[in-house]
Amino acid sequence: MPSVRNVDVASVQMTPAPSVERPFSAIPTAPRRQQAWWVGGLLVIALVVGIGLWSQSGTTQSSLLGELGVSVRAFFSSDVGERIERLVAKGDRALSAGQPFDPIKGSAIDFYQQAIKLAPAHEGALQGIALILGRLLTATEEALAAGDIVRAEVYLQTLGKLPDPSPTIAELELELAAAKAASAANAVQHDRIQEFLNEAATDIAEGRILEPSGDNALVRYRAIQVLDPGNAAANRGLAAIVARLSAEHARALASRDFALAGKLLQ
């Protein structure tokens, strides 16, 4: 075996290593930090340009700011205008669909009100409100007449938000206040009547029909008749008492207890 030292290096044939193809995804890319530097550089350039413009004469600054303001206002004005037109169109569709104001949410009057908040003089919204106003006033009057205080109050709140409210609204508000007061009084009276009915039922069950004086079923049913002459429960209770007393009177006469019979007649 030849010695390693005697081997002719030049004569040795070198076999190249097989090449390995990297997938595309393995090809190294610029680090994210490097990409961030590009973005940062662009921002710096924009800042320098902005400072340069700002450092110009006062007249130029005012001109640039004025043009910017006009552009911004034009952009937002266009957006608001489109929104107003959409609201009026929704109001028109709701009106055509027979939903002028009931329920208020999503009705024609609701959309028209939203439109005039943005543009108080919008002709289409004002025309829509004018078409509905008379019907809404009539509906409010009918609700008050029917004792529907909740509905009347909702309608009046809606009417109060309209431009140039009708003088009739003030009158309807007074009627609503009176109806609320009457309703509160009726609620108190209703509770008192119910209390009398419960006590009278207890009196009858425990035999307190005529006695003790001032604290019996008959007294309580008569008190109810004063508060509510047509109260059906009180009238039935009195009828039951009369029938019971009539039966006892007949028995007293049959037993010749004329003193008891006379007392029962009183």
C-alpha atoms as a PDB file:
ATOM      1  CA  MET A   1       0.000   0.000   0.000  1.00  0.00           C
ATOM      2  CA  PRO A   2       1.539   3.308  -1.068  1.00  0.00           C
ATOM      3  CA  SER A   3       2.270   5.878   1.568  1.00  0.00           C
ATOM      4  CA  VAL A   4       0.039   8.823   1.858  1.00  0.00           C
ATOM      5  CA  ARG A   5       3.017  11.132   1.516  1.00  0.00           C
ATOM      6  CA  ASN A   6       3.853   9.695  -1.933  1.00  0.00           C
ATOM      7  CA  VAL A   7       0.380  10.259  -3.405  1.00  0.00           C
ATOM      8  CA  ASP A   8       0.311  12.800  -6.249  1.00  0.00           C
ATOM      9  CA  VAL A   9      -2.444  15.172  -5.181  1.00  0.00           C
ATOM     10  CA  ALA A  10      -2.812  16.633  -8.677  1.00  0.00           C
ATOM     11  CA  SER A  11      -3.512  13.222 -10.126  1.00  0.00           C
ATOM     12  CA  VAL A  12      -6.315  12.485  -7.741  1.00  0.00           C
ATOM     13  CA  GLN A  13      -9.733  12.981  -9.410  1.00  0.00           C
ATOM     14  CA  MET A  14     -12.094  14.935  -7.184  1.00  0.00           C
ATOM     15  CA  THR A  15     -15.730  13.879  -7.419  1.00  0.00           C
ATOM     16  CA  PRO A  16     -17.994  16.909  -7.043  1.00  0.00           C
ATOM     17  CA  ALA A  17     -20.607  16.746  -4.332  1.00  0.00           C
ATOM     18  CA  PRO A  18     -24.144  16.299  -5.618  1.00  0.00           C
ATOM     19  CA  SER A  19     -26.061  19.589  -5.767  1.00  0.00           C
ATOM     20  CA  VAL A  20     -29.106  19.952  -3.566  1.00  0.00           C
ATOM     21  CA  GLU A  21     -31.933  22.130  -4.835  1.00  0.00           C
ATOM     22  CA  ARG A  22     -33.584  24.192  -2.144  1.00  0.00           C
ATOM     23  CA  PRO A  23     -37.328  24.660  -2.271  1.00  0.00           C
ATOM     24  CA  PHE A  24     -38.405  28.196  -3.057  1.00  0.00           C
ATOM     25  CA  SER A  25     -39.697  28.680   0.434  1.00  0.00           C
ATOM     26  CA  ALA A  26     -36.230  27.897   1.827  1.00  0.00           C
ATOM     27  CA  ILE A  27     -34.577  30.742  -0.060  1.00  0.00           C
ATOM     28  CA  PRO A  28     -33.616  33.315   2.558  1.00  0.00           C
ATOM     29  CA  THR A  29     -35.524  36.557   2.432  1.00  0.00           C
ATOM     30  CA  ALA A  30     -34.876  39.940   3.939  1.00  0.00           C
ATOM     31  CA  PRO A  31     -35.575  39.925   7.641  1.00  0.00           C
ATOM     32  CA  ARG A  32     -38.752  41.622   8.861  1.00  0.00           C
ATOM     33  CA  ARG A  33     -36.612  44.186  10.609  1.00  0.00           C
ATOM     34  CA  GLN A  34     -35.154  45.129   7.235  1.00  0.00           C
ATOM     35  CA  GLN A  35     -38.684  45.545   5.793  1.00  0.00           C
ATOM     36  CA  ALA A  36     -39.622  47.695   8.764  1.00  0.00           C
ATOM     37  CA  TRP A  37     -36.686  49.967   7.921  1.00  0.00           C
ATOM     38  CA  TRP A  38     -38.134  50.495   4.438  1.00  0.00           C
ATOM     39  CA  VAL A  39     -41.486  51.474   5.891  1.00  0.00           C
ATOM     40  CA  GLY A  40     -39.787  53.709   8.433  1.00  0.00           C
ATOM     41  CA  GLY A  41     -37.801  55.345   5.685  1.00  0.00           C
ATOM     42  CA  LEU A  42     -40.935  56.156   3.726  1.00  0.00           C
ATOM     43  CA  LEU A  43     -42.495  57.691   6.822  1.00  0.00           C
ATOM     44  CA  VAL A  44     -39.409  59.823   7.410  1.00  0.00           C
ATOM     45  CA  ILE A  45     -39.521  61.051   3.807  1.00  0.00           C
ATOM     46  CA  ALA A  46     -43.203  61.945   4.185  1.00  0.00           C
ATOM     47  CA  LEU A  47     -42.445  63.782   7.422  1.00  0.00           C
ATOM     48  CA  VAL A  48     -39.613  65.745   5.819  1.00  0.00           C
ATOM     49  CA  VAL A  49     -41.841  66.759   2.919  1.00  0.00           C
ATOM     50  CA  GLY A  50     -44.556  67.819   5.371  1.00  0.00           C
ATOM     51  CA  ILE A  51     -42.115  69.913   7.387  1.00  0.00           C
ATOM     52  CA  GLY A  52     -40.850  71.479   4.200  1.00  0.00           C
ATOM     53  CA  LEU A  53     -44.317  72.510   3.176  1.00  0.00           C
ATOM     54  CA  TRP A  54     -45.045  73.831   6.668  1.00  0.00           C
ATOM     55  CA  SER A  55     -41.863  75.902   6.639  1.00  0.00           C
ATOM     56  CA  GLN A  56     -43.050  77.829   3.580  1.00  0.00           C
ATOM     57  CA  SER A  57     -44.476  81.332   3.850  1.00  0.00           C
ATOM     58  CA  GLY A  58     -47.599  81.994   5.944  1.00  0.00           C
ATOM     59  CA  THR A  59     -49.654  82.680   2.833  1.00  0.00           C
ATOM     60  CA  THR A  60     -48.743  79.315   1.390  1.00  0.00           C
ATOM     61  CA  GLN A  61     -49.564  77.576   4.667  1.00  0.00           C
ATOM     62  CA  SER A  62     -52.977  79.220   4.831  1.00  0.00           C
ATOM     63  CA  SER A  63     -53.652  78.286   1.240  1.00  0.00           C
ATOM     64  CA  LEU A  64     -52.725  74.651   1.805  1.00  0.00           C
ATOM     65  CA  LEU A  65     -54.753  74.418   4.995  1.00  0.00           C
ATOM     66  CA  GLY A  66     -57.705  76.096   3.316  1.00  0.00           C
ATOM     67  CA  GLU A  67     -57.636  73.667   0.421  1.00  0.00           C
ATOM     68  CA  LEU A  68     -57.387  70.760   2.854  1.00  0.00           C
ATOM     69  CA  GLY A  69     -60.358  72.067   4.838  1.00  0.00           C
ATOM     70  CA  VAL A  70     -62.447  72.460   1.699  1.00  0.00           C
ATOM     71  CA  SER A  71     -61.619  68.919   0.637  1.00  0.00           C
ATOM     72  CA  VAL A  72     -62.515  67.478   4.041  1.00  0.00           C
ATOM     73  CA  ARG A  73     -65.783  69.401   4.188  1.00  0.00           C
ATOM     74  CA  ALA A  74     -66.687  68.322   0.694  1.00  0.00           C
ATOM     75  CA  PHE A  75     -66.015  64.701   1.583  1.00  0.00           C
ATOM     76  CA  PHE A  76     -68.152  64.729   4.710  1.00  0.00           C
ATOM     77  CA  SER A  77     -70.873  66.870   3.139  1.00  0.00           C
ATOM     78  CA  SER A  78     -71.224  64.342   0.379  1.00  0.00           C
ATOM     79  CA  ASP A  79     -71.460  61.514   2.909  1.00  0.00           C
ATOM     80  CA  VAL A  80     -74.075  63.328   5.043  1.00  0.00           C
ATOM     81  CA  GLY A  81     -76.075  64.251   1.962  1.00  0.00           C
ATOM     82  CA  GLU A  82     -76.238  60.629   0.874  1.00  0.00           C
ATOM     83  CA  ARG A  83     -77.320  59.580   4.361  1.00  0.00           C
ATOM     84  CA  ILE A  84     -80.120  62.157   4.379  1.00  0.00           C
ATOM     85  CA  GLU A  85     -81.406  60.970   1.019  1.00  0.00           C
ATOM     86  CA  ARG A  86     -81.376  57.365   2.245  1.00  0.00           C
ATOM     87  CA  LEU A  87     -83.386  58.333   5.330  1.00  0.00           C
ATOM     88  CA  VAL A  88     -85.978  60.201   3.266  1.00  0.00           C
ATOM     89  CA  ALA A  89     -86.238  57.259   0.857  1.00  0.00           C
ATOM     90  CA  LYS A  90     -86.836  54.898   3.807  1.00  0.00           C
ATOM     91  CA  GLY A  91     -89.495  57.258   5.110  1.00  0.00           C
ATOM     92  CA  ASP A  92     -91.229  57.299   1.744  1.00  0.00           C
ATOM     93  CA  ARG A  93     -91.217  53.506   1.578  1.00  0.00           C
ATOM     94  CA  ALA A  94     -92.607  53.187   5.126  1.00  0.00           C
ATOM     95  CA  LEU A  95     -95.357  55.674   4.274  1.00  0.00           C
ATOM     96  CA  SER A  96     -96.254  53.748   1.136  1.00  0.00           C
ATOM     97  CA  ALA A  97     -96.321  50.523   3.163  1.00  0.00           C
ATOM     98  CA  GLY A  98     -98.933  51.978   5.526  1.00  0.00           C
ATOM     99  CA  GLN A  99     -96.603  52.632   8.469  1.00  0.00           C
ATOM    100  CA  PRO A 100     -96.760  56.401   8.943  1.00  0.00           C
ATOM    101  CA  PHE A 101     -96.144  56.422  12.725  1.00  0.00           C
ATOM    102  CA  ASP A 102     -97.236  53.209  14.435  1.00  0.00           C
ATOM    103  CA  PRO A 103     -95.050  51.782  15.795  1.00  0.00           C
ATOM    104  CA  ILE A 104     -92.863  54.885  15.944  1.00  0.00           C
ATOM    105  CA  LYS A 105     -89.576  52.992  15.607  1.00  0.00           C
ATOM    106  CA  GLY A 106     -88.893  52.325  11.938  1.00  0.00           C
ATOM    107  CA  SER A 107     -91.933  54.309  10.785  1.00  0.00           C
ATOM    108  CA  ALA A 108     -92.057  57.048   8.173  1.00  0.00           C
ATOM    109  CA  ILE A 109     -92.153  59.800  10.811  1.00  0.00           C
ATOM    110  CA  ASP A 110     -89.103  58.247  12.498  1.00  0.00           C
ATOM    111  CA  PHE A 111     -87.003  58.386   9.316  1.00  0.00           C
ATOM    112  CA  TYR A 112     -88.178  61.902   8.416  1.00  0.00           C
ATOM    113  CA  GLN A 113     -87.276  63.113  11.921  1.00  0.00           C
ATOM    114  CA  GLN A 114     -83.775  61.668  11.587  1.00  0.00           C
ATOM    115  CA  ALA A 115     -83.395  63.428   8.247  1.00  0.00           C
ATOM    116  CA  ILE A 116     -84.393  66.880   9.546  1.00  0.00           C
ATOM    117  CA  LYS A 117     -81.962  66.535  12.434  1.00  0.00           C
ATOM    118  CA  LEU A 118     -79.211  66.502   9.817  1.00  0.00           C
ATOM    119  CA  ALA A 119     -80.874  68.958   7.425  1.00  0.00           C
ATOM    120  CA  PRO A 120     -83.685  70.977   9.105  1.00  0.00           C
ATOM    121  CA  ALA A 121     -84.783  72.513   5.816  1.00  0.00           C
ATOM    122  CA  HIS A 122     -84.827  69.351   3.704  1.00  0.00           C
ATOM    123  CA  GLU A 123     -87.862  69.697   1.478  1.00  0.00           C
ATOM    124  CA  GLY A 124     -88.594  65.994   1.046  1.00  0.00           C
ATOM    125  CA  ALA A 125     -88.500  65.274   4.786  1.00  0.00           C
ATOM    126  CA  LEU A 126     -90.675  68.299   5.603  1.00  0.00           C
ATOM    127  CA  GLN A 127     -93.232  67.293   2.965  1.00  0.00           C
ATOM    128  CA  GLY A 128     -93.387  63.780   4.434  1.00  0.00           C
ATOM    129  CA  ILE A 129     -93.960  65.165   7.918  1.00  0.00           C
ATOM    130  CA  ALA A 130     -96.700  67.452   6.638  1.00  0.00           C
ATOM    131  CA  LEU A 131     -98.495  64.460   5.140  1.00  0.00           C
ATOM    132  CA  ILE A 132     -98.439  62.608   8.469  1.00  0.00           C
ATOM    133  CA  LEU A 133     -99.011  65.429  10.974  1.00  0.00           C
ATOM    134  CA  GLY A 134    -102.811  65.556  10.714  1.00  0.00           C
ATOM    135  CA  ARG A 135    -103.196  61.810  11.084  1.00  0.00           C
ATOM    136  CA  LEU A 136    -100.861  61.739  14.067  1.00  0.00           C
ATOM    137  CA  LEU A 137    -102.828  64.495  15.837  1.00  0.00           C
ATOM    138  CA  THR A 138    -106.075  62.621  15.252  1.00  0.00           C
ATOM    139  CA  ALA A 139    -104.578  59.378  16.543  1.00  0.00           C
ATOM    140  CA  THR A 140    -103.406  61.188  19.689  1.00  0.00           C
ATOM    141  CA  GLU A 141    -106.898  62.567  20.337  1.00  0.00           C
ATOM    142  CA  GLU A 142    -108.426  59.111  19.832  1.00  0.00           C
ATOM    143  CA  ALA A 143    -105.941  57.522  22.225  1.00  0.00           C
ATOM    144  CA  LEU A 144    -106.813  60.079  24.912  1.00  0.00           C
ATOM    145  CA  ALA A 145    -110.527  59.545  24.360  1.00  0.00           C
ATOM    146  CA  ALA A 146    -110.053  55.792  24.736  1.00  0.00           C
ATOM    147  CA  GLY A 147    -108.035  56.230  27.933  1.00  0.00           C
ATOM    148  CA  ASP A 148    -104.907  54.817  26.297  1.00  0.00           C
ATOM    149  CA  ILE A 149    -102.521  57.115  28.140  1.00  0.00           C
ATOM    150  CA  VAL A 150     -99.350  55.242  27.182  1.00  0.00           C
ATOM    151  CA  ARG A 151    -100.015  55.452  23.445  1.00  0.00           C
ATOM    152  CA  ALA A 152    -101.129  59.077  23.678  1.00  0.00           C
ATOM    153  CA  GLU A 153     -97.926  59.995  25.492  1.00  0.00           C
ATOM    154  CA  VAL A 154     -95.753  58.294  22.842  1.00  0.00           C
ATOM    155  CA  TYR A 155     -97.560  60.176  20.092  1.00  0.00           C
ATOM    156  CA  LEU A 156     -97.217  63.499  21.907  1.00  0.00           C
ATOM    157  CA  GLN A 157     -93.502  62.961  22.442  1.00  0.00           C
ATOM    158  CA  THR A 158     -93.140  62.379  18.709  1.00  0.00           C
ATOM    159  CA  LEU A 159     -95.197  65.465  17.877  1.00  0.00           C
ATOM    160  CA  GLY A 160     -93.079  67.584  20.198  1.00  0.00           C
ATOM    161  CA  LYS A 161     -89.929  66.747  18.228  1.00  0.00           C
ATOM    162  CA  LEU A 162     -91.343  67.964  14.923  1.00  0.00           C
ATOM    163  CA  PRO A 163     -90.411  71.380  13.512  1.00  0.00           C
ATOM    164  CA  ASP A 164     -92.966  74.177  14.084  1.00  0.00           C
ATOM    165  CA  PRO A 165     -95.203  72.146  16.434  1.00  0.00           C
ATOM    166  CA  SER A 166     -98.935  72.656  16.050  1.00  0.00           C
ATOM    167  CA  PRO A 167    -100.738  74.753  18.720  1.00  0.00           C
ATOM    168  CA  THR A 168    -103.037  71.767  19.177  1.00  0.00           C
ATOM    169  CA  ILE A 169    -100.156  69.886  20.792  1.00  0.00           C
ATOM    170  CA  ALA A 170    -100.227  72.158  23.855  1.00  0.00           C
ATOM    171  CA  GLU A 171    -103.931  71.454  24.320  1.00  0.00           C
ATOM    172  CA  LEU A 172    -103.385  67.723  23.968  1.00  0.00           C
ATOM    173  CA  GLU A 173    -100.577  67.857  26.532  1.00  0.00           C
ATOM    174  CA  LEU A 174    -102.988  69.445  29.029  1.00  0.00           C
ATOM    175  CA  GLU A 175    -105.522  66.694  28.320  1.00  0.00           C
ATOM    176  CA  LEU A 176    -102.821  64.085  28.832  1.00  0.00           C
ATOM    177  CA  ALA A 177    -101.846  65.598  32.181  1.00  0.00           C
ATOM    178  CA  ALA A 178    -105.488  65.557  33.295  1.00  0.00           C
ATOM    179  CA  ALA A 179    -105.883  61.958  32.118  1.00  0.00           C
ATOM    180  CA  LYS A 180    -102.785  60.925  34.080  1.00  0.00           C
ATOM    181  CA  ALA A 181    -104.122  62.578  37.230  1.00  0.00           C
ATOM    182  CA  ALA A 182    -107.506  60.893  36.787  1.00  0.00           C
ATOM    183  CA  SER A 183    -105.814  57.563  36.169  1.00  0.00           C
ATOM    184  CA  ALA A 184    -103.792  57.898  39.362  1.00  0.00           C
ATOM    185  CA  ALA A 185    -106.949  58.754  41.326  1.00  0.00           C
ATOM    186  CA  ASN A 186    -108.767  55.815  39.763  1.00  0.00           C
ATOM    187  CA  ALA A 187    -105.936  53.514  40.753  1.00  0.00           C
ATOM    188  CA  VAL A 188    -106.204  54.638  44.381  1.00  0.00           C
ATOM    189  CA  GLN A 189    -109.988  54.225  44.316  1.00  0.00           C
ATOM    190  CA  HIS A 190    -109.685  50.802  42.707  1.00  0.00           C
ATOM    191  CA  ASP A 191    -107.343  49.668  45.472  1.00  0.00           C
ATOM    192  CA  ARG A 192    -109.726  50.995  48.147  1.00  0.00           C
ATOM    193  CA  ILE A 193    -112.727  49.245  46.594  1.00  0.00           C
ATOM    194  CA  GLN A 194    -110.834  45.980  46.396  1.00  0.00           C
ATOM    195  CA  GLU A 195    -109.935  46.336  50.066  1.00  0.00           C
ATOM    196  CA  PHE A 196    -113.627  46.845  50.961  1.00  0.00           C
ATOM    197  CA  LEU A 197    -114.629  43.781  48.927  1.00  0.00           C
ATOM    198  CA  ASN A 198    -112.059  41.595  50.680  1.00  0.00           C
ATOM    199  CA  GLU A 199    -113.168  42.828  54.106  1.00  0.00           C
ATOM    200  CA  ALA A 200    -116.858  42.320  53.263  1.00  0.00           C
ATOM    201  CA  ALA A 201    -116.192  38.743  52.157  1.00  0.00           C
ATOM    202  CA  THR A 202    -114.449  38.096  55.477  1.00  0.00           C
ATOM    203  CA  ASP A 203    -117.369  39.676  57.374  1.00  0.00           C
ATOM    204  CA  ILE A 204    -119.906  37.410  55.667  1.00  0.00           C
ATOM    205  CA  ALA A 205    -117.798  34.310  56.275  1.00  0.00           C
ATOM    206  CA  GLU A 206    -117.569  35.185  59.989  1.00  0.00           C
ATOM    207  CA  GLY A 207    -121.229  36.197  60.333  1.00  0.00           C
ATOM    208  CA  ARG A 208    -120.740  39.953  60.596  1.00  0.00           C
ATOM    209  CA  ILE A 209    -123.559  40.908  58.251  1.00  0.00           C
ATOM    210  CA  LEU A 210    -125.287  43.626  60.283  1.00  0.00           C
ATOM    211  CA  GLU A 211    -123.260  43.697  63.488  1.00  0.00           C
ATOM    212  CA  PRO A 212    -121.194  45.197  64.959  1.00  0.00           C
ATOM    213  CA  SER A 213    -122.508  48.587  63.988  1.00  0.00           C
ATOM    214  CA  GLY A 214    -120.284  50.360  61.463  1.00  0.00           C
ATOM    215  CA  ASP A 215    -118.028  47.335  61.003  1.00  0.00           C
ATOM    216  CA  ASN A 216    -119.918  44.766  58.943  1.00  0.00           C
ATOM    217  CA  ALA A 217    -120.458  43.539  55.390  1.00  0.00           C
ATOM    218  CA  LEU A 218    -123.495  45.733  54.743  1.00  0.00           C
ATOM    219  CA  VAL A 219    -121.604  48.929  55.658  1.00  0.00           C
ATOM    220  CA  ARG A 220    -118.699  48.025  53.370  1.00  0.00           C
ATOM    221  CA  TYR A 221    -120.873  47.188  50.361  1.00  0.00           C
ATOM    222  CA  ARG A 222    -122.715  50.494  50.764  1.00  0.00           C
ATOM    223  CA  ALA A 223    -119.364  52.338  50.929  1.00  0.00           C
ATOM    224  CA  ILE A 224    -118.389  50.726  47.645  1.00  0.00           C
ATOM    225  CA  GLN A 225    -121.630  51.901  46.053  1.00  0.00           C
ATOM    226  CA  VAL A 226    -120.762  55.462  47.022  1.00  0.00           C
ATOM    227  CA  LEU A 227    -117.359  55.208  45.329  1.00  0.00           C
ATOM    228  CA  ASP A 228    -118.570  53.215  42.329  1.00  0.00           C
ATOM    229  CA  PRO A 229    -122.368  53.016  42.018  1.00  0.00           C
ATOM    230  CA  GLY A 230    -122.209  50.432  39.261  1.00  0.00           C
ATOM    231  CA  ASN A 231    -119.749  48.096  40.940  1.00  0.00           C
ATOM    232  CA  ALA A 232    -120.987  44.611  40.060  1.00  0.00           C
ATOM    233  CA  ALA A 233    -119.258  42.816  42.944  1.00  0.00           C
ATOM    234  CA  ALA A 234    -120.809  45.145  45.527  1.00  0.00           C
ATOM    235  CA  ASN A 235    -124.249  44.808  43.960  1.00  0.00           C
ATOM    236  CA  ARG A 236    -123.984  41.011  44.071  1.00  0.00           C
ATOM    237  CA  GLY A 237    -122.882  41.148  47.696  1.00  0.00           C
ATOM    238  CA  LEU A 238    -125.854  43.352  48.666  1.00  0.00           C
ATOM    239  CA  ALA A 239    -128.239  41.071  46.797  1.00  0.00           C
ATOM    240  CA  ALA A 240    -126.858  38.087  48.725  1.00  0.00           C
ATOM    241  CA  ILE A 241    -127.320  39.933  52.037  1.00  0.00           C
ATOM    242  CA  VAL A 242    -130.902  40.873  51.176  1.00  0.00           C
ATOM    243  CA  ALA A 243    -131.707  37.265  50.267  1.00  0.00           C
ATOM    244  CA  ARG A 244    -130.197  36.019  53.509  1.00  0.00           C
ATOM    245  CA  LEU A 245    -132.026  38.589  55.635  1.00  0.00           C
ATOM    246  CA  SER A 246    -135.305  37.833  53.850  1.00  0.00           C
ATOM    247  CA  ALA A 247    -134.923  34.148  54.684  1.00  0.00           C
ATOM    248  CA  GLU A 248    -134.163  34.957  58.350  1.00  0.00           C
ATOM    249  CA  HIS A 249    -137.153  37.344  58.479  1.00  0.00           C
ATOM    250  CA  ALA A 250    -139.436  34.613  57.212  1.00  0.00           C
ATOM    251  CA  ARG A 251    -138.141  32.187  59.813  1.00  0.00           C
ATOM    252  CA  ALA A 252    -138.606  34.813  62.567  1.00  0.00           C
ATOM    253  CA  LEU A 253    -142.210  35.365  61.558  1.00  0.00           C
ATOM    254  CA  ALA A 254    -142.805  31.634  61.423  1.00  0.00           C
ATOM    255  CA  SER A 255    -141.514  31.283  64.974  1.00  0.00           C
ATOM    256  CA  ARG A 256    -143.503  34.372  65.999  1.00  0.00           C
ATOM    257  CA  ASP A 257    -140.287  36.185  66.970  1.00  0.00           C
ATOM    258  CA  PHE A 258    -141.658  39.566  65.989  1.00  0.00           C
ATOM    259  CA  ALA A 259    -138.862  41.494  67.692  1.00  0.00           C
ATOM    260  CA  LEU A 260    -136.243  39.790  65.518  1.00  0.00           C
ATOM    261  CA  ALA A 261    -138.426  40.130  62.453  1.00  0.00           C
ATOM    262  CA  GLY A 262    -138.736  43.871  63.052  1.00  0.00           C
ATOM    263  CA  LYS A 263    -134.983  44.236  63.568  1.00  0.00           C
ATOM    264  CA  LEU A 264    -134.261  42.435  60.336  1.00  0.00           C
ATOM    265  CA  LEU A 265    -136.533  44.794  58.451  1.00  0.00           C
ATOM    266  CA  GLN A 266    -134.485  47.751  59.618  1.00  0.00           C
END
